[in-house]
Amino acid sequence: MDDLGLEGSIVDVAKGYGRNYLVPQGFALVATRENITALGMQRKKIEMKRVKIRQEAEAFKAKMDGTVLTFEQKAGAEGKLYGSVTTMDIASALEEKGIVVDRHKIVLEKQVKELGEFDVAVKIYPGVVGTIKIVVSAEKEAEA
């Protein structure tokens, strides 16, 4: 839903999507003449709210940027992981550091299935994208 627009935007969507999902869930209003007029009157309040949310998103980005997460995974001799590091794993590790992020906001360009360092983007707000670094290393075998 991030791509549909911000509060106060007038956006075209499929009729069924608007009628059956967006309007009943309270995410949107039908663009009638009365609703557009009311939106015009509220535009300044909506813009102030957007600016405040964007500032909070920028502060959150500053807190999150530079975060390094380390994962130890079982790996084969060629550096290939037996599993992968998922967005759920990254979200859990961030939460342990006190940074709560919805796993759907974490953008992996490709699955992490090998050892190494990777930069991962996190969509915080439209136009505000933070970056964290994940380091994937081989799990050390327990000595007997």
N, C-alpha and C. Protein backbone atom coordinates (compact mmCIF):
# COMPACT_ATOMS: atom_id res chain seq x y z
N MET A 1 0.80 -1.20 0.00
CA MET A 1 0.00 0.00 0.00
C MET A 1 0.84 1.25 0.00
N ASP A 2 2.15 1.15 0.16
CA ASP A 2 3.01 2.33 0.16
C ASP A 2 2.98 3.06 -1.17
N ASP A 3 2.70 2.34 -2.25
CA ASP A 3 2.76 2.93 -3.57
C ASP A 3 1.46 3.63 -3.97
N LEU A 4 0.44 3.59 -3.13
CA LEU A 4 -0.84 4.17 -3.50
C LEU A 4 -0.92 5.67 -3.26
N GLY A 5 -0.01 6.24 -2.54
CA GLY A 5 -0.06 7.66 -2.28
C GLY A 5 -0.09 7.94 -0.79
N LEU A 6 0.08 9.20 -0.47
CA LEU A 6 0.08 9.62 0.92
C LEU A 6 -1.29 10.19 1.28
N GLU A 7 -1.50 10.42 2.56
CA GLU A 7 -2.75 11.00 3.02
C GLU A 7 -2.97 12.33 2.33
N GLY A 8 -4.18 12.54 1.82
CA GLY A 8 -4.51 13.77 1.15
C GLY A 8 -4.31 13.71 -0.36
N SER A 9 -3.75 12.62 -0.86
CA SER A 9 -3.53 12.47 -2.30
C SER A 9 -4.80 11.96 -2.96
N ILE A 10 -4.99 12.38 -4.21
CA ILE A 10 -6.08 11.84 -5.01
C ILE A 10 -5.44 10.88 -6.01
N VAL A 11 -5.82 9.60 -5.92
CA VAL A 11 -5.17 8.54 -6.68
C VAL A 11 -6.23 7.70 -7.39
N ASP A 12 -5.93 7.29 -8.61
CA ASP A 12 -6.82 6.38 -9.34
C ASP A 12 -6.47 4.95 -8.96
N VAL A 13 -7.47 4.18 -8.59
CA VAL A 13 -7.31 2.75 -8.32
C VAL A 13 -8.42 2.00 -9.04
N ALA A 14 -8.28 0.70 -9.14
CA ALA A 14 -9.33 -0.12 -9.74
C ALA A 14 -10.60 0.04 -8.91
N LYS A 15 -11.73 0.10 -9.58
CA LYS A 15 -13.01 0.34 -8.88
C LYS A 15 -13.28 -0.70 -7.81
N GLY A 16 -13.04 -1.96 -8.12
CA GLY A 16 -13.30 -3.03 -7.15
C GLY A 16 -12.38 -2.93 -5.95
N TYR A 17 -11.13 -2.58 -6.16
CA TYR A 17 -10.17 -2.45 -5.07
C TYR A 17 -10.59 -1.33 -4.14
N GLY A 18 -10.99 -0.21 -4.71
CA GLY A 18 -11.45 0.91 -3.89
C GLY A 18 -12.73 0.59 -3.15
N ARG A 19 -13.71 0.06 -3.88
CA ARG A 19 -15.03 -0.20 -3.31
C ARG A 19 -15.02 -1.33 -2.28
N ASN A 20 -14.23 -2.38 -2.55
CA ASN A 20 -14.28 -3.57 -1.70
C ASN A 20 -13.23 -3.59 -0.59
N TYR A 21 -12.16 -2.79 -0.75
CA TYR A 21 -11.10 -2.86 0.26
C TYR A 21 -10.77 -1.49 0.86
N LEU A 22 -10.37 -0.55 0.05
CA LEU A 22 -9.87 0.73 0.58
C LEU A 22 -10.93 1.52 1.35
N VAL A 23 -12.10 1.67 0.78
CA VAL A 23 -13.16 2.45 1.44
C VAL A 23 -13.67 1.76 2.70
N PRO A 24 -14.02 0.44 2.65
CA PRO A 24 -14.50 -0.20 3.88
C PRO A 24 -13.47 -0.23 5.01
N GLN A 25 -12.17 -0.32 4.66
CA GLN A 25 -11.14 -0.35 5.69
C GLN A 25 -10.82 1.04 6.23
N GLY A 26 -11.37 2.07 5.62
CA GLY A 26 -11.13 3.44 6.07
C GLY A 26 -9.83 4.02 5.54
N PHE A 27 -9.22 3.38 4.55
CA PHE A 27 -7.97 3.87 3.97
C PHE A 27 -8.22 4.96 2.94
N ALA A 28 -9.43 5.06 2.41
CA ALA A 28 -9.71 6.01 1.34
C ALA A 28 -11.16 6.46 1.40
N LEU A 29 -11.43 7.55 0.69
CA LEU A 29 -12.79 8.04 0.49
C LEU A 29 -13.02 8.12 -1.01
N VAL A 30 -14.27 8.01 -1.40
CA VAL A 30 -14.62 8.18 -2.81
C VAL A 30 -14.44 9.66 -3.14
N ALA A 31 -13.88 9.95 -4.31
CA ALA A 31 -13.57 11.34 -4.70
C ALA A 31 -14.82 12.05 -5.21
N THR A 32 -15.74 12.31 -4.29
CA THR A 32 -16.93 13.08 -4.65
C THR A 32 -16.58 14.56 -4.52
N ARG A 33 -17.44 15.41 -5.07
CA ARG A 33 -17.20 16.85 -5.01
C ARG A 33 -17.09 17.33 -3.56
N GLU A 34 -17.94 16.79 -2.68
CA GLU A 34 -17.92 17.20 -1.27
C GLU A 34 -16.62 16.77 -0.59
N ASN A 35 -16.19 15.53 -0.86
CA ASN A 35 -14.95 15.04 -0.24
C ASN A 35 -13.73 15.81 -0.73
N ILE A 36 -13.70 16.17 -2.00
CA ILE A 36 -12.58 16.94 -2.54
C ILE A 36 -12.56 18.34 -1.93
N THR A 37 -13.72 18.95 -1.73
CA THR A 37 -13.79 20.27 -1.09
C THR A 37 -13.31 20.19 0.36
N ALA A 38 -13.76 19.16 1.08
CA ALA A 38 -13.34 18.99 2.48
C ALA A 38 -11.83 18.75 2.54
N LEU A 39 -11.30 18.00 1.58
CA LEU A 39 -9.85 17.75 1.54
C LEU A 39 -9.08 19.05 1.34
N GLY A 40 -9.61 19.92 0.48
CA GLY A 40 -8.96 21.21 0.25
C GLY A 40 -8.87 22.03 1.53
N MET A 41 -9.89 21.97 2.36
CA MET A 41 -9.89 22.71 3.62
C MET A 41 -8.91 22.12 4.63
N GLN A 42 -8.69 20.82 4.56
CA GLN A 42 -7.82 20.15 5.52
C GLN A 42 -6.38 20.03 5.03
N ARG A 43 -6.09 20.51 3.83
CA ARG A 43 -4.79 20.30 3.21
C ARG A 43 -3.62 20.80 4.08
N LYS A 44 -3.76 21.96 4.71
CA LYS A 44 -2.67 22.52 5.52
C LYS A 44 -2.38 21.62 6.72
N LYS A 45 -3.43 21.12 7.37
CA LYS A 45 -3.25 20.23 8.52
C LYS A 45 -2.58 18.92 8.09
N ILE A 46 -3.01 18.40 6.94
CA ILE A 46 -2.42 17.16 6.42
C ILE A 46 -0.95 17.37 6.09
N GLU A 47 -0.62 18.50 5.49
CA GLU A 47 0.77 18.79 5.12
C GLU A 47 1.66 18.90 6.37
N MET A 48 1.15 19.54 7.42
CA MET A 48 1.92 19.64 8.67
C MET A 48 2.16 18.26 9.26
N LYS A 49 1.14 17.40 9.19
CA LYS A 49 1.27 16.04 9.70
C LYS A 49 2.32 15.26 8.90
N ARG A 50 2.31 15.43 7.56
CA ARG A 50 3.30 14.77 6.71
C ARG A 50 4.72 15.20 7.05
N VAL A 51 4.91 16.50 7.25
CA VAL A 51 6.23 17.01 7.58
C VAL A 51 6.71 16.42 8.91
N LYS A 52 5.83 16.35 9.89
CA LYS A 52 6.19 15.79 11.20
C LYS A 52 6.57 14.32 11.07
N ILE A 53 5.77 13.55 10.32
CA ILE A 53 6.05 12.12 10.15
C ILE A 53 7.37 11.93 9.40
N ARG A 54 7.62 12.77 8.39
CA ARG A 54 8.87 12.66 7.64
C ARG A 54 10.08 12.96 8.55
N GLN A 55 9.96 13.96 9.42
CA GLN A 55 11.04 14.28 10.34
C GLN A 55 11.31 13.10 11.29
N GLU A 56 10.23 12.47 11.76
CA GLU A 56 10.38 11.30 12.63
C GLU A 56 11.06 10.16 11.86
N ALA A 57 10.69 10.00 10.59
CA ALA A 57 11.29 8.96 9.76
C ALA A 57 12.78 9.24 9.54
N GLU A 58 13.14 10.49 9.33
CA GLU A 58 14.55 10.86 9.15
C GLU A 58 15.34 10.59 10.43
N ALA A 59 14.74 10.88 11.59
CA ALA A 59 15.40 10.61 12.87
C ALA A 59 15.59 9.11 13.07
N PHE A 60 14.58 8.33 12.71
CA PHE A 60 14.66 6.88 12.81
C PHE A 60 15.74 6.34 11.88
N LYS A 61 15.82 6.91 10.69
CA LYS A 61 16.85 6.51 9.72
C LYS A 61 18.24 6.78 10.29
N ALA A 62 18.43 7.95 10.90
CA ALA A 62 19.73 8.29 11.48
C ALA A 62 20.10 7.31 12.59
N LYS A 63 19.12 6.88 13.37
CA LYS A 63 19.35 5.91 14.44
C LYS A 63 19.73 4.55 13.87
N MET A 64 19.10 4.18 12.74
CA MET A 64 19.29 2.86 12.17
C MET A 64 20.53 2.77 11.28
N ASP A 65 20.87 3.84 10.56
CA ASP A 65 22.01 3.81 9.66
C ASP A 65 23.29 3.47 10.43
N GLY A 66 24.11 2.67 9.82
CA GLY A 66 25.36 2.26 10.45
C GLY A 66 25.23 1.03 11.32
N THR A 67 24.02 0.51 11.46
CA THR A 67 23.81 -0.70 12.25
C THR A 67 24.40 -1.89 11.50
N VAL A 68 25.15 -2.70 12.22
CA VAL A 68 25.74 -3.90 11.64
C VAL A 68 25.16 -5.11 12.37
N LEU A 69 24.62 -6.03 11.62
CA LEU A 69 24.07 -7.26 12.18
C LEU A 69 24.94 -8.42 11.74
N THR A 70 25.25 -9.32 12.66
CA THR A 70 26.08 -10.48 12.34
C THR A 70 25.24 -11.74 12.50
N PHE A 71 25.32 -12.58 11.49
CA PHE A 71 24.61 -13.85 11.50
C PHE A 71 25.62 -14.97 11.32
N GLU A 72 25.53 -15.99 12.15
CA GLU A 72 26.36 -17.18 11.99
C GLU A 72 25.45 -18.29 11.49
N GLN A 73 25.77 -18.80 10.31
CA GLN A 73 24.94 -19.81 9.67
C GLN A 73 25.80 -21.01 9.28
N LYS A 74 25.18 -22.15 9.19
CA LYS A 74 25.88 -23.33 8.70
C LYS A 74 26.15 -23.13 7.22
N ALA A 75 27.38 -23.41 6.81
CA ALA A 75 27.75 -23.18 5.42
C ALA A 75 28.60 -24.34 4.92
N GLY A 76 28.55 -24.54 3.61
CA GLY A 76 29.37 -25.57 2.97
C GLY A 76 30.78 -25.06 2.75
N ALA A 77 31.61 -25.90 2.17
CA ALA A 77 33.02 -25.57 1.95
C ALA A 77 33.19 -24.40 0.98
N GLU A 78 32.28 -24.21 0.07
CA GLU A 78 32.40 -23.14 -0.93
C GLU A 78 31.77 -21.83 -0.48
N GLY A 79 31.35 -21.74 0.76
CA GLY A 79 30.77 -20.51 1.28
C GLY A 79 29.28 -20.38 1.02
N LYS A 80 28.64 -21.42 0.56
CA LYS A 80 27.20 -21.40 0.33
C LYS A 80 26.49 -21.81 1.62
N LEU A 81 25.45 -21.08 1.97
CA LEU A 81 24.71 -21.40 3.18
C LEU A 81 23.77 -22.57 2.94
N TYR A 82 23.53 -23.35 4.00
CA TYR A 82 22.56 -24.44 3.90
C TYR A 82 21.13 -23.90 3.92
N GLY A 83 20.96 -22.72 4.43
CA GLY A 83 19.66 -22.05 4.43
C GLY A 83 19.84 -20.68 3.82
N SER A 84 19.19 -19.69 4.39
CA SER A 84 19.38 -18.31 3.93
C SER A 84 19.06 -17.37 5.09
N VAL A 85 19.51 -16.13 4.95
CA VAL A 85 19.16 -15.10 5.91
C VAL A 85 17.94 -14.39 5.33
N THR A 86 16.84 -14.40 6.05
CA THR A 86 15.59 -13.86 5.56
C THR A 86 15.29 -12.50 6.19
N THR A 87 14.27 -11.84 5.66
CA THR A 87 13.85 -10.56 6.22
C THR A 87 13.35 -10.74 7.65
N MET A 88 12.78 -11.91 7.94
CA MET A 88 12.31 -12.19 9.30
C MET A 88 13.50 -12.27 10.27
N ASP A 89 14.60 -12.90 9.82
CA ASP A 89 15.80 -12.98 10.65
C ASP A 89 16.36 -11.58 10.92
N ILE A 90 16.38 -10.75 9.87
CA ILE A 90 16.91 -9.39 10.00
C ILE A 90 16.04 -8.57 10.94
N ALA A 91 14.71 -8.67 10.80
CA ALA A 91 13.80 -7.93 11.67
C ALA A 91 13.96 -8.36 13.13
N SER A 92 14.15 -9.66 13.36
CA SER A 92 14.35 -10.15 14.74
C SER A 92 15.64 -9.62 15.33
N ALA A 93 16.71 -9.62 14.53
CA ALA A 93 18.00 -9.13 15.01
C ALA A 93 17.95 -7.62 15.29
N LEU A 94 17.24 -6.88 14.45
CA LEU A 94 17.08 -5.45 14.69
C LEU A 94 16.29 -5.20 15.97
N GLU A 95 15.26 -6.01 16.20
CA GLU A 95 14.43 -5.85 17.40
C GLU A 95 15.25 -6.10 18.66
N GLU A 96 16.19 -7.03 18.59
CA GLU A 96 17.06 -7.29 19.74
C GLU A 96 17.94 -6.07 20.05
N LYS A 97 18.21 -5.27 19.03
CA LYS A 97 19.01 -4.04 19.22
C LYS A 97 18.13 -2.84 19.56
N GLY A 98 16.83 -3.07 19.69
CA GLY A 98 15.93 -1.98 20.06
C GLY A 98 15.37 -1.21 18.88
N ILE A 99 15.52 -1.73 17.66
CA ILE A 99 15.00 -1.06 16.47
C ILE A 99 13.89 -1.93 15.90
N VAL A 100 12.65 -1.47 16.02
CA VAL A 100 11.51 -2.26 15.57
C VAL A 100 11.15 -1.84 14.15
N VAL A 101 11.21 -2.83 13.23
CA VAL A 101 10.91 -2.60 11.82
C VAL A 101 10.03 -3.74 11.33
N ASP A 102 9.01 -3.41 10.58
CA ASP A 102 8.17 -4.43 9.95
C ASP A 102 9.02 -5.14 8.89
N ARG A 103 8.99 -6.46 8.88
CA ARG A 103 9.83 -7.21 7.97
C ARG A 103 9.50 -6.95 6.51
N HIS A 104 8.30 -6.48 6.23
CA HIS A 104 7.91 -6.17 4.86
C HIS A 104 8.59 -4.90 4.36
N LYS A 105 9.14 -4.10 5.25
CA LYS A 105 9.83 -2.88 4.87
C LYS A 105 11.30 -3.13 4.54
N ILE A 106 11.78 -4.34 4.85
CA ILE A 106 13.18 -4.69 4.58
C ILE A 106 13.26 -5.20 3.14
N VAL A 107 14.17 -4.61 2.37
CA VAL A 107 14.27 -4.92 0.94
C VAL A 107 15.58 -5.67 0.68
N LEU A 108 15.45 -6.95 0.36
CA LEU A 108 16.61 -7.74 -0.05
C LEU A 108 16.59 -7.82 -1.57
N GLU A 109 17.66 -7.36 -2.21
CA GLU A 109 17.69 -7.39 -3.67
C GLU A 109 17.73 -8.82 -4.19
N LYS A 110 18.42 -9.68 -3.46
CA LYS A 110 18.42 -11.11 -3.76
C LYS A 110 18.56 -11.85 -2.45
N GLN A 111 18.21 -13.11 -2.45
CA GLN A 111 18.29 -13.88 -1.22
C GLN A 111 19.74 -13.99 -0.77
N VAL A 112 19.95 -13.90 0.54
CA VAL A 112 21.29 -14.03 1.09
C VAL A 112 21.53 -15.51 1.35
N LYS A 113 22.30 -16.14 0.44
CA LYS A 113 22.56 -17.58 0.54
C LYS A 113 24.04 -17.88 0.51
N GLU A 114 24.86 -16.87 0.84
CA GLU A 114 26.31 -17.10 0.86
C GLU A 114 26.94 -16.23 1.93
N LEU A 115 28.17 -16.56 2.28
CA LEU A 115 28.90 -15.82 3.29
C LEU A 115 29.32 -14.47 2.72
N GLY A 116 29.46 -13.48 3.59
CA GLY A 116 29.93 -12.17 3.16
C GLY A 116 29.21 -11.04 3.85
N GLU A 117 29.47 -9.82 3.32
CA GLU A 117 28.83 -8.61 3.84
C GLU A 117 27.85 -8.10 2.79
N PHE A 118 26.68 -7.65 3.27
CA PHE A 118 25.64 -7.19 2.38
C PHE A 118 25.01 -5.92 2.94
N ASP A 119 24.72 -4.97 2.06
CA ASP A 119 23.96 -3.77 2.44
C ASP A 119 22.49 -4.05 2.16
N VAL A 120 21.67 -3.75 3.14
CA VAL A 120 20.24 -4.03 3.03
C VAL A 120 19.48 -2.71 3.22
N ALA A 121 18.56 -2.43 2.31
CA ALA A 121 17.74 -1.22 2.38
C ALA A 121 16.50 -1.48 3.23
N VAL A 122 16.09 -0.46 3.97
CA VAL A 122 14.88 -0.53 4.78
C VAL A 122 14.03 0.69 4.44
N LYS A 123 12.84 0.44 3.88
CA LYS A 123 11.93 1.53 3.53
C LYS A 123 11.23 2.00 4.81
N ILE A 124 11.49 3.23 5.20
CA ILE A 124 10.92 3.75 6.42
C ILE A 124 9.67 4.58 6.13
N TYR A 125 9.75 5.40 5.11
CA TYR A 125 8.68 6.30 4.69
C TYR A 125 8.94 6.59 3.22
N PRO A 126 7.93 6.91 2.43
CA PRO A 126 8.21 7.20 1.03
C PRO A 126 9.29 8.27 0.88
N GLY A 127 10.36 7.93 0.22
CA GLY A 127 11.48 8.85 0.04
C GLY A 127 12.53 8.77 1.13
N VAL A 128 12.29 8.00 2.17
CA VAL A 128 13.25 7.84 3.27
C VAL A 128 13.62 6.36 3.36
N VAL A 129 14.85 6.05 2.96
CA VAL A 129 15.31 4.67 2.95
C VAL A 129 16.59 4.59 3.76
N GLY A 130 16.59 3.76 4.78
CA GLY A 130 17.77 3.54 5.60
C GLY A 130 18.56 2.34 5.09
N THR A 131 19.81 2.25 5.51
CA THR A 131 20.65 1.14 5.10
C THR A 131 21.32 0.52 6.32
N ILE A 132 21.26 -0.79 6.38
CA ILE A 132 21.98 -1.51 7.42
C ILE A 132 22.92 -2.49 6.74
N LYS A 133 23.91 -2.94 7.47
CA LYS A 133 24.86 -3.90 6.92
C LYS A 133 24.68 -5.21 7.67
N ILE A 134 24.64 -6.30 6.91
CA ILE A 134 24.61 -7.61 7.56
C ILE A 134 25.88 -8.36 7.17
N VAL A 135 26.43 -9.04 8.14
CA VAL A 135 27.62 -9.84 7.94
C VAL A 135 27.25 -11.28 8.22
N VAL A 136 27.45 -12.13 7.22
CA VAL A 136 27.12 -13.53 7.37
C VAL A 136 28.42 -14.31 7.42
N SER A 137 28.62 -15.03 8.52
CA SER A 137 29.85 -15.81 8.68
C SER A 137 29.48 -17.26 8.95
N ALA A 138 30.48 -18.13 8.78
CA ALA A 138 30.26 -19.55 8.99
C ALA A 138 30.13 -19.84 10.48
N GLU A 139 29.24 -20.72 10.83
CA GLU A 139 29.04 -21.14 12.21
C GLU A 139 30.26 -21.93 12.67
N LYS A 140 30.77 -21.58 13.83
CA LYS A 140 31.93 -22.30 14.36
C LYS A 140 31.46 -23.63 14.92
N GLU A 141 32.19 -24.66 14.60
CA GLU A 141 31.84 -26.00 15.06
C GLU A 141 32.23 -26.14 16.53
N ALA A 142 31.37 -26.74 17.31
CA ALA A 142 31.65 -26.95 18.72
C ALA A 142 32.72 -28.04 18.88
N GLU A 143 33.73 -27.70 19.68
CA GLU A 143 34.81 -28.68 19.89
C GLU A 143 34.42 -29.62 21.04
N ALA A 144 34.74 -30.88 20.86
CA ALA A 144 34.37 -31.90 21.83
C ALA A 144 35.23 -31.88 23.04
